[in-house]
Amino acid sequence: MVKRDVVITNNIGLHARPATFFIQKANSFHSSIWIEKEDRKVNAKSLLGVLSMGIAKGMTVTLIADGQDENRALDGLVELIETGFAE
């Protein structure tokens, strides 16, 4: 299991369109992936779960991956977030 903190930098946070990109990317990996903010943790492959977190610009979240491609999963998701979801 690996964890990594990342700051959400795009203008609208993880809402609708960026959340969809995030979930699509998460689903491209075999590992189980979660996103954690404060005391809440949800499945990062669930659109409803991610949207329910209310993640806005400037917030820090923790990405957690567990499985055969856990490091590649976190690298890919962090890169997606750091590039602002190509917005």
PDB file of N, CA and C in Angstrom:
ATOM      1  N   MET A   1       0.837  -1.179   0.000  1.00  0.00           N
ATOM      2  CA  MET A   1       0.000   0.000   0.000  1.00  0.00           C
ATOM      3  C   MET A   1       0.881   1.240   0.000  1.00  0.00           C
ATOM      4  N   VAL A   2       0.549   2.194  -0.858  1.00  0.00           N
ATOM      5  CA  VAL A   2       1.289   3.454  -0.923  1.00  0.00           C
ATOM      6  C   VAL A   2       0.311   4.612  -0.782  1.00  0.00           C
ATOM      7  N   LYS A   3       0.812   5.715  -0.216  1.00  0.00           N
ATOM      8  CA  LYS A   3       0.003   6.925  -0.022  1.00  0.00           C
ATOM      9  C   LYS A   3       0.777   8.124  -0.539  1.00  0.00           C
ATOM     10  N   ARG A   4       0.050   9.107  -1.004  1.00  0.00           N
ATOM     11  CA  ARG A   4       0.698  10.337  -1.443  1.00  0.00           C
ATOM     12  C   ARG A   4      -0.275  11.499  -1.276  1.00  0.00           C
ATOM     13  N   ASP A   5       0.208  12.590  -0.684  1.00  0.00           N
ATOM     14  CA  ASP A   5      -0.589  13.814  -0.564  1.00  0.00           C
ATOM     15  C   ASP A   5      -0.414  14.642  -1.820  1.00  0.00           C
ATOM     16  N   VAL A   6      -1.502  15.269  -2.252  1.00  0.00           N
ATOM     17  CA  VAL A   6      -1.450  16.119  -3.439  1.00  0.00           C
ATOM     18  C   VAL A   6      -2.426  17.281  -3.241  1.00  0.00           C
ATOM     19  N   VAL A   7      -2.037  18.449  -3.741  1.00  0.00           N
ATOM     20  CA  VAL A   7      -2.879  19.645  -3.657  1.00  0.00           C
ATOM     21  C   VAL A   7      -3.641  19.784  -4.972  1.00  0.00           C
ATOM     22  N   ILE A   8      -4.932  20.010  -4.861  1.00  0.00           N
ATOM     23  CA  ILE A   8      -5.781  20.204  -6.042  1.00  0.00           C
ATOM     24  C   ILE A   8      -5.543  21.625  -6.546  1.00  0.00           C
ATOM     25  N   THR A   9      -5.109  21.752  -7.808  1.00  0.00           N
ATOM     26  CA  THR A   9      -4.708  23.065  -8.317  1.00  0.00           C
ATOM     27  C   THR A   9      -5.613  23.635  -9.407  1.00  0.00           C
ATOM     28  N   ASN A  10      -6.484  22.800  -9.976  1.00  0.00           N
ATOM     29  CA  ASN A  10      -7.332  23.346 -11.041  1.00  0.00           C
ATOM     30  C   ASN A  10      -8.412  24.243 -10.449  1.00  0.00           C
ATOM     31  N   ASN A  11      -8.985  25.116 -11.267  1.00  0.00           N
ATOM     32  CA  ASN A  11      -9.893  26.161 -10.785  1.00  0.00           C
ATOM     33  C   ASN A  11     -11.157  25.663 -10.108  1.00  0.00           C
ATOM     34  N   ILE A  12     -11.720  24.550 -10.566  1.00  0.00           N
ATOM     35  CA  ILE A  12     -13.010  24.129 -10.001  1.00  0.00           C
ATOM     36  C   ILE A  12     -12.914  22.915  -9.090  1.00  0.00           C
ATOM     37  N   GLY A  13     -11.713  22.444  -8.821  1.00  0.00           N
ATOM     38  CA  GLY A  13     -11.556  21.297  -7.939  1.00  0.00           C
ATOM     39  C   GLY A  13     -12.009  20.011  -8.614  1.00  0.00           C
ATOM     40  N   LEU A  14     -12.375  19.027  -7.801  1.00  0.00           N
ATOM     41  CA  LEU A  14     -12.807  17.728  -8.339  1.00  0.00           C
ATOM     42  C   LEU A  14     -14.324  17.701  -8.460  1.00  0.00           C
ATOM     43  N   HIS A  15     -14.828  18.439  -9.416  1.00  0.00           N
ATOM     44  CA  HIS A  15     -16.261  18.482  -9.678  1.00  0.00           C
ATOM     45  C   HIS A  15     -16.508  18.049 -11.112  1.00  0.00           C
ATOM     46  N   ALA A  16     -17.648  17.467 -11.371  1.00  0.00           N
ATOM     47  CA  ALA A  16     -18.122  17.012 -12.676  1.00  0.00           C
ATOM     48  C   ALA A  16     -17.039  16.563 -13.655  1.00  0.00           C
ATOM     49  N   ARG A  17     -16.622  17.442 -14.538  1.00  0.00           N
ATOM     50  CA  ARG A  17     -15.690  17.061 -15.618  1.00  0.00           C
ATOM     51  C   ARG A  17     -14.338  16.570 -15.094  1.00  0.00           C
ATOM     52  N   PRO A  18     -13.652  17.308 -14.220  1.00  0.00           N
ATOM     53  CA  PRO A  18     -12.371  16.815 -13.716  1.00  0.00           C
ATOM     54  C   PRO A  18     -12.527  15.503 -12.932  1.00  0.00           C
ATOM     55  N   ALA A  19     -13.617  15.372 -12.188  1.00  0.00           N
ATOM     56  CA  ALA A  19     -13.842  14.135 -11.434  1.00  0.00           C
ATOM     57  C   ALA A  19     -14.014  12.957 -12.381  1.00  0.00           C
ATOM     58  N   THR A  20     -14.667  13.187 -13.505  1.00  0.00           N
ATOM     59  CA  THR A  20     -14.841  12.130 -14.500  1.00  0.00           C
ATOM     60  C   THR A  20     -13.485  11.700 -15.053  1.00  0.00           C
ATOM     61  N   PHE A  21     -12.621  12.659 -15.377  1.00  0.00           N
ATOM     62  CA  PHE A  21     -11.273  12.330 -15.852  1.00  0.00           C
ATOM     63  C   PHE A  21     -10.502  11.544 -14.790  1.00  0.00           C
ATOM     64  N   PHE A  22     -10.646  11.976 -13.549  1.00  0.00           N
ATOM     65  CA  PHE A  22      -9.948  11.327 -12.437  1.00  0.00           C
ATOM     66  C   PHE A  22     -10.406   9.871 -12.293  1.00  0.00           C
ATOM     67  N   ILE A  23     -11.704   9.648 -12.341  1.00  0.00           N
ATOM     68  CA  ILE A  23     -12.253   8.304 -12.185  1.00  0.00           C
ATOM     69  C   ILE A  23     -11.863   7.404 -13.358  1.00  0.00           C
ATOM     70  N   GLN A  24     -11.896   7.958 -14.561  1.00  0.00           N
ATOM     71  CA  GLN A  24     -11.485   7.178 -15.730  1.00  0.00           C
ATOM     72  C   GLN A  24     -10.037   6.737 -15.593  1.00  0.00           C
ATOM     73  N   LYS A  25      -9.194   7.637 -15.138  1.00  0.00           N
ATOM     74  CA  LYS A  25      -7.778   7.311 -14.942  1.00  0.00           C
ATOM     75  C   LYS A  25      -7.632   6.254 -13.837  1.00  0.00           C
ATOM     76  N   ALA A  26      -8.337   6.427 -12.725  1.00  0.00           N
ATOM     77  CA  ALA A  26      -8.265   5.470 -11.623  1.00  0.00           C
ATOM     78  C   ALA A  26      -8.709   4.081 -12.078  1.00  0.00           C
ATOM     79  N   ASN A  27      -9.735   4.030 -12.899  1.00  0.00           N
ATOM     80  CA  ASN A  27     -10.252   2.751 -13.378  1.00  0.00           C
ATOM     81  C   ASN A  27      -9.335   2.079 -14.390  1.00  0.00           C
ATOM     82  N   SER A  28      -8.335   2.779 -14.881  1.00  0.00           N
ATOM     83  CA  SER A  28      -7.402   2.171 -15.831  1.00  0.00           C
ATOM     84  C   SER A  28      -6.340   1.323 -15.117  1.00  0.00           C
ATOM     85  N   PHE A  29      -6.360   1.320 -13.789  1.00  0.00           N
ATOM     86  CA  PHE A  29      -5.404   0.551 -12.992  1.00  0.00           C
ATOM     87  C   PHE A  29      -6.107  -0.595 -12.278  1.00  0.00           C
ATOM     88  N   HIS A  30      -5.367  -1.666 -12.016  1.00  0.00           N
ATOM     89  CA  HIS A  30      -5.915  -2.827 -11.328  1.00  0.00           C
ATOM     90  C   HIS A  30      -5.995  -2.621  -9.819  1.00  0.00           C
ATOM     91  N   SER A  31      -5.150  -1.786  -9.264  1.00  0.00           N
ATOM     92  CA  SER A  31      -5.090  -1.577  -7.821  1.00  0.00           C
ATOM     93  C   SER A  31      -6.388  -0.973  -7.286  1.00  0.00           C
ATOM     94  N   SER A  32      -6.634  -1.226  -6.016  1.00  0.00           N
ATOM     95  CA  SER A  32      -7.702  -0.518  -5.306  1.00  0.00           C
ATOM     96  C   SER A  32      -7.164   0.874  -4.999  1.00  0.00           C
ATOM     97  N   ILE A  33      -7.995   1.888  -5.223  1.00  0.00           N
ATOM     98  CA  ILE A  33      -7.540   3.270  -5.036  1.00  0.00           C
ATOM     99  C   ILE A  33      -8.591   4.027  -4.231  1.00  0.00           C
ATOM    100  N   TRP A  34      -8.122   4.772  -3.253  1.00  0.00           N
ATOM    101  CA  TRP A  34      -9.002   5.593  -2.428  1.00  0.00           C
ATOM    102  C   TRP A  34      -8.495   7.023  -2.421  1.00  0.00           C
ATOM    103  N   ILE A  35      -9.419   7.934  -2.159  1.00  0.00           N
ATOM    104  CA  ILE A  35      -9.053   9.335  -1.962  1.00  0.00           C
ATOM    105  C   ILE A  35      -9.556   9.727  -0.578  1.00  0.00           C
ATOM    106  N   GLU A  36      -8.681  10.384   0.184  1.00  0.00           N
ATOM    107  CA  GLU A  36      -8.979  10.696   1.571  1.00  0.00           C
ATOM    108  C   GLU A  36      -8.827  12.200   1.802  1.00  0.00           C
ATOM    109  N   LYS A  37      -9.803  12.763   2.498  1.00  0.00           N
ATOM    110  CA  LYS A  37      -9.754  14.180   2.875  1.00  0.00           C
ATOM    111  C   LYS A  37     -10.247  14.272   4.306  1.00  0.00           C
ATOM    112  N   GLU A  38      -9.386  14.787   5.167  1.00  0.00           N
ATOM    113  CA  GLU A  38      -9.676  14.872   6.593  1.00  0.00           C
ATOM    114  C   GLU A  38     -10.033  13.484   7.114  1.00  0.00           C
ATOM    115  N   ASP A  39     -11.235  13.271   7.606  1.00  0.00           N
ATOM    116  CA  ASP A  39     -11.578  11.966   8.189  1.00  0.00           C
ATOM    117  C   ASP A  39     -12.442  11.109   7.263  1.00  0.00           C
ATOM    118  N   ARG A  40     -12.578  11.493   5.989  1.00  0.00           N
ATOM    119  CA  ARG A  40     -13.391  10.738   5.031  1.00  0.00           C
ATOM    120  C   ARG A  40     -12.511  10.068   3.994  1.00  0.00           C
ATOM    121  N   LYS A  41     -12.870   8.852   3.643  1.00  0.00           N
ATOM    122  CA  LYS A  41     -12.138   8.099   2.631  1.00  0.00           C
ATOM    123  C   LYS A  41     -13.158   7.422   1.726  1.00  0.00           C
ATOM    124  N   VAL A  42     -13.005   7.633   0.398  1.00  0.00           N
ATOM    125  CA  VAL A  42     -13.939   7.035  -0.554  1.00  0.00           C
ATOM    126  C   VAL A  42     -13.175   6.319  -1.658  1.00  0.00           C
ATOM    127  N   ASN A  43     -13.874   5.431  -2.329  1.00  0.00           N
ATOM    128  CA  ASN A  43     -13.328   4.713  -3.469  1.00  0.00           C
ATOM    129  C   ASN A  43     -13.088   5.717  -4.599  1.00  0.00           C
ATOM    130  N   ALA A  44     -11.857   5.814  -5.066  1.00  0.00           N
ATOM    131  CA  ALA A  44     -11.513   6.783  -6.111  1.00  0.00           C
ATOM    132  C   ALA A  44     -12.024   6.361  -7.482  1.00  0.00           C
ATOM    133  N   LYS A  45     -12.608   5.178  -7.567  1.00  0.00           N
ATOM    134  CA  LYS A  45     -13.161   4.700  -8.830  1.00  0.00           C
ATOM    135  C   LYS A  45     -14.672   4.925  -8.888  1.00  0.00           C
ATOM    136  N   SER A  46     -15.220   5.613  -7.895  1.00  0.00           N
ATOM    137  CA  SER A  46     -16.652   5.880  -7.805  1.00  0.00           C
ATOM    138  C   SER A  46     -16.927   7.369  -7.998  1.00  0.00           C
ATOM    139  N   LEU A  47     -17.649   7.713  -9.047  1.00  0.00           N
ATOM    140  CA  LEU A  47     -17.959   9.123  -9.314  1.00  0.00           C
ATOM    141  C   LEU A  47     -18.747   9.730  -8.157  1.00  0.00           C
ATOM    142  N   LEU A  48     -19.758   9.029  -7.677  1.00  0.00           N
ATOM    143  CA  LEU A  48     -20.560   9.548  -6.569  1.00  0.00           C
ATOM    144  C   LEU A  48     -19.702   9.768  -5.328  1.00  0.00           C
ATOM    145  N   GLY A  49     -18.812   8.818  -5.052  1.00  0.00           N
ATOM    146  CA  GLY A  49     -17.947   8.942  -3.891  1.00  0.00           C
ATOM    147  C   GLY A  49     -17.031  10.154  -3.989  1.00  0.00           C
ATOM    148  N   VAL A  50     -16.392  10.321  -5.135  1.00  0.00           N
ATOM    149  CA  VAL A  50     -15.470  11.444  -5.327  1.00  0.00           C
ATOM    150  C   VAL A  50     -16.216  12.774  -5.265  1.00  0.00           C
ATOM    151  N   LEU A  51     -17.360  12.854  -5.940  1.00  0.00           N
ATOM    152  CA  LEU A  51     -18.137  14.102  -5.915  1.00  0.00           C
ATOM    153  C   LEU A  51     -18.625  14.436  -4.507  1.00  0.00           C
ATOM    154  N   SER A  52     -18.927  13.412  -3.718  1.00  0.00           N
ATOM    155  CA  SER A  52     -19.442  13.644  -2.357  1.00  0.00           C
ATOM    156  C   SER A  52     -18.394  14.256  -1.430  1.00  0.00           C
ATOM    157  N   MET A  53     -17.137  14.210  -1.826  1.00  0.00           N
ATOM    158  CA  MET A  53     -16.071  14.757  -0.986  1.00  0.00           C
ATOM    159  C   MET A  53     -16.027  16.284  -1.011  1.00  0.00           C
ATOM    160  N   GLY A  54     -16.592  16.904  -2.044  1.00  0.00           N
ATOM    161  CA  GLY A  54     -16.584  18.363  -2.125  1.00  0.00           C
ATOM    162  C   GLY A  54     -15.182  18.943  -2.181  1.00  0.00           C
ATOM    163  N   ILE A  55     -14.331  18.381  -3.010  1.00  0.00           N
ATOM    164  CA  ILE A  55     -12.926  18.790  -3.080  1.00  0.00           C
ATOM    165  C   ILE A  55     -12.779  20.015  -3.981  1.00  0.00           C
ATOM    166  N   ALA A  56     -12.290  21.090  -3.399  1.00  0.00           N
ATOM    167  CA  ALA A  56     -12.157  22.366  -4.109  1.00  0.00           C
ATOM    168  C   ALA A  56     -10.688  22.716  -4.321  1.00  0.00           C
ATOM    169  N   LYS A  57     -10.465  23.727  -5.137  1.00  0.00           N
ATOM    170  CA  LYS A  57      -9.102  24.205  -5.416  1.00  0.00           C
ATOM    171  C   LYS A  57      -8.390  24.555  -4.112  1.00  0.00           C
ATOM    172  N   GLY A  58      -7.127  24.133  -4.023  1.00  0.00           N
ATOM    173  CA  GLY A  58      -6.303  24.447  -2.867  1.00  0.00           C
ATOM    174  C   GLY A  58      -6.345  23.416  -1.757  1.00  0.00           C
ATOM    175  N   MET A  59      -7.294  22.490  -1.825  1.00  0.00           N
ATOM    176  CA  MET A  59      -7.378  21.459  -0.793  1.00  0.00           C
ATOM    177  C   MET A  59      -6.303  20.397  -1.014  1.00  0.00           C
ATOM    178  N   THR A  60      -5.827  19.840   0.086  1.00  0.00           N
ATOM    179  CA  THR A  60      -4.884  18.728   0.023  1.00  0.00           C
ATOM    180  C   THR A  60      -5.643  17.445   0.302  1.00  0.00           C
ATOM    181  N   VAL A  61      -5.445  16.458  -0.567  1.00  0.00           N
ATOM    182  CA  VAL A  61      -6.061  15.148  -0.387  1.00  0.00           C
ATOM    183  C   VAL A  61      -4.953  14.097  -0.363  1.00  0.00           C
ATOM    184  N   THR A  62      -5.271  12.951   0.183  1.00  0.00           N
ATOM    185  CA  THR A  62      -4.339  11.836   0.196  1.00  0.00           C
ATOM    186  C   THR A  62      -4.861  10.766  -0.745  1.00  0.00           C
ATOM    187  N   LEU A  63      -4.021  10.349  -1.670  1.00  0.00           N
ATOM    188  CA  LEU A  63      -4.350   9.249  -2.563  1.00  0.00           C
ATOM    189  C   LEU A  63      -3.708   7.992  -1.998  1.00  0.00           C
ATOM    190  N   ILE A  64      -4.470   6.913  -1.985  1.00  0.00           N
ATOM    191  CA  ILE A  64      -3.994   5.641  -1.440  1.00  0.00           C
ATOM    192  C   ILE A  64      -4.245   4.570  -2.492  1.00  0.00           C
ATOM    193  N   ALA A  65      -3.231   3.779  -2.778  1.00  0.00           N
ATOM    194  CA  ALA A  65      -3.379   2.686  -3.742  1.00  0.00           C
ATOM    195  C   ALA A  65      -2.808   1.410  -3.145  1.00  0.00           C
ATOM    196  N   ASP A  66      -3.467   0.302  -3.455  1.00  0.00           N
ATOM    197  CA  ASP A  66      -3.022  -0.987  -2.958  1.00  0.00           C
ATOM    198  C   ASP A  66      -3.244  -2.027  -4.047  1.00  0.00           C
ATOM    199  N   GLY A  67      -2.146  -2.603  -4.548  1.00  0.00           N
ATOM    200  CA  GLY A  67      -2.275  -3.624  -5.576  1.00  0.00           C
ATOM    201  C   GLY A  67      -1.029  -3.719  -6.434  1.00  0.00           C
ATOM    202  N   GLN A  68      -1.139  -4.502  -7.481  1.00  0.00           N
ATOM    203  CA  GLN A  68       0.017  -4.816  -8.316  1.00  0.00           C
ATOM    204  C   GLN A  68       0.615  -3.617  -9.041  1.00  0.00           C
ATOM    205  N   ASP A  69      -0.205  -2.606  -9.337  1.00  0.00           N
ATOM    206  CA  ASP A  69       0.307  -1.429 -10.047  1.00  0.00           C
ATOM    207  C   ASP A  69       0.124  -0.150  -9.226  1.00  0.00           C
ATOM    208  N   GLU A  70       0.224  -0.285  -7.916  1.00  0.00           N
ATOM    209  CA  GLU A  70      -0.061   0.828  -7.015  1.00  0.00           C
ATOM    210  C   GLU A  70       0.814   2.056  -7.254  1.00  0.00           C
ATOM    211  N   ASN A  71       2.096   1.865  -7.511  1.00  0.00           N
ATOM    212  CA  ASN A  71       2.970   3.017  -7.744  1.00  0.00           C
ATOM    213  C   ASN A  71       2.645   3.719  -9.058  1.00  0.00           C
ATOM    214  N   ARG A  72       2.406   2.950 -10.102  1.00  0.00           N
ATOM    215  CA  ARG A  72       2.025   3.544 -11.395  1.00  0.00           C
ATOM    216  C   ARG A  72       0.689   4.267 -11.270  1.00  0.00           C
ATOM    217  N   ALA A  73      -0.223   3.707 -10.479  1.00  0.00           N
ATOM    218  CA  ALA A  73      -1.537   4.330 -10.289  1.00  0.00           C
ATOM    219  C   ALA A  73      -1.390   5.711  -9.651  1.00  0.00           C
ATOM    220  N   LEU A  74      -0.623   5.780  -8.573  1.00  0.00           N
ATOM    221  CA  LEU A  74      -0.459   7.077  -7.908  1.00  0.00           C
ATOM    222  C   LEU A  74       0.305   8.053  -8.781  1.00  0.00           C
ATOM    223  N   ASP A  75       1.327   7.583  -9.471  1.00  0.00           N
ATOM    224  CA  ASP A  75       2.070   8.466 -10.378  1.00  0.00           C
ATOM    225  C   ASP A  75       1.139   9.055 -11.428  1.00  0.00           C
ATOM    226  N   GLY A  76       0.298   8.226 -12.028  1.00  0.00           N
ATOM    227  CA  GLY A  76      -0.618   8.685 -13.070  1.00  0.00           C
ATOM    228  C   GLY A  76      -1.664   9.661 -12.551  1.00  0.00           C
ATOM    229  N   LEU A  77      -2.213   9.370 -11.375  1.00  0.00           N
ATOM    230  CA  LEU A  77      -3.243  10.253 -10.813  1.00  0.00           C
ATOM    231  C   LEU A  77      -2.659  11.584 -10.344  1.00  0.00           C
ATOM    232  N   VAL A  78      -1.487  11.537  -9.735  1.00  0.00           N
ATOM    233  CA  VAL A  78      -0.833  12.781  -9.304  1.00  0.00           C
ATOM    234  C   VAL A  78      -0.495  13.636 -10.522  1.00  0.00           C
ATOM    235  N   GLU A  79      -0.001  13.018 -11.579  1.00  0.00           N
ATOM    236  CA  GLU A  79       0.310  13.770 -12.789  1.00  0.00           C
ATOM    237  C   GLU A  79      -0.949  14.429 -13.363  1.00  0.00           C
ATOM    238  N   LEU A  80      -2.052  13.704 -13.382  1.00  0.00           N
ATOM    239  CA  LEU A  80      -3.315  14.259 -13.871  1.00  0.00           C
ATOM    240  C   LEU A  80      -3.728  15.471 -13.048  1.00  0.00           C
ATOM    241  N   ILE A  81      -3.629  15.359 -11.727  1.00  0.00           N
ATOM    242  CA  ILE A  81      -4.006  16.467 -10.847  1.00  0.00           C
ATOM    243  C   ILE A  81      -3.049  17.647 -11.026  1.00  0.00           C
ATOM    244  N   GLU A  82      -1.758  17.389 -11.067  1.00  0.00           N
ATOM    245  CA  GLU A  82      -0.778  18.471 -11.166  1.00  0.00           C
ATOM    246  C   GLU A  82      -0.821  19.207 -12.507  1.00  0.00           C
ATOM    247  N   THR A  83      -1.321  18.561 -13.548  1.00  0.00           N
ATOM    248  CA  THR A  83      -1.450  19.245 -14.838  1.00  0.00           C
ATOM    249  C   THR A  83      -2.802  19.945 -14.964  1.00  0.00           C
ATOM    250  N   GLY A  84      -3.575  19.968 -13.875  1.00  0.00           N
ATOM    251  CA  GLY A  84      -4.838  20.697 -13.874  1.00  0.00           C
ATOM    252  C   GLY A  84      -5.913  20.049 -14.718  1.00  0.00           C
ATOM    253  N   PHE A  85      -5.836  18.717 -14.900  1.00  0.00           N
ATOM    254  CA  PHE A  85      -6.834  17.977 -15.679  1.00  0.00           C
ATOM    255  C   PHE A  85      -6.925  18.486 -17.103  1.00  0.00           C
ATOM    256  N   ALA A  86      -5.815  19.021 -17.611  1.00  0.00           N
ATOM    257  CA  ALA A  86      -5.730  19.527 -18.997  1.00  0.00           C
ATOM    258  C   ALA A  86      -6.775  20.591 -19.287  1.00  0.00           C
ATOM    259  N   GLU A  87      -7.080  21.391 -18.277  1.00  0.00           N
ATOM    260  CA  GLU A  87      -8.056  22.479 -18.491  1.00  0.00           C
ATOM    261  C   GLU A  87      -7.361  23.750 -18.920  1.00  0.00           C
TER     262      GLU A  87
END
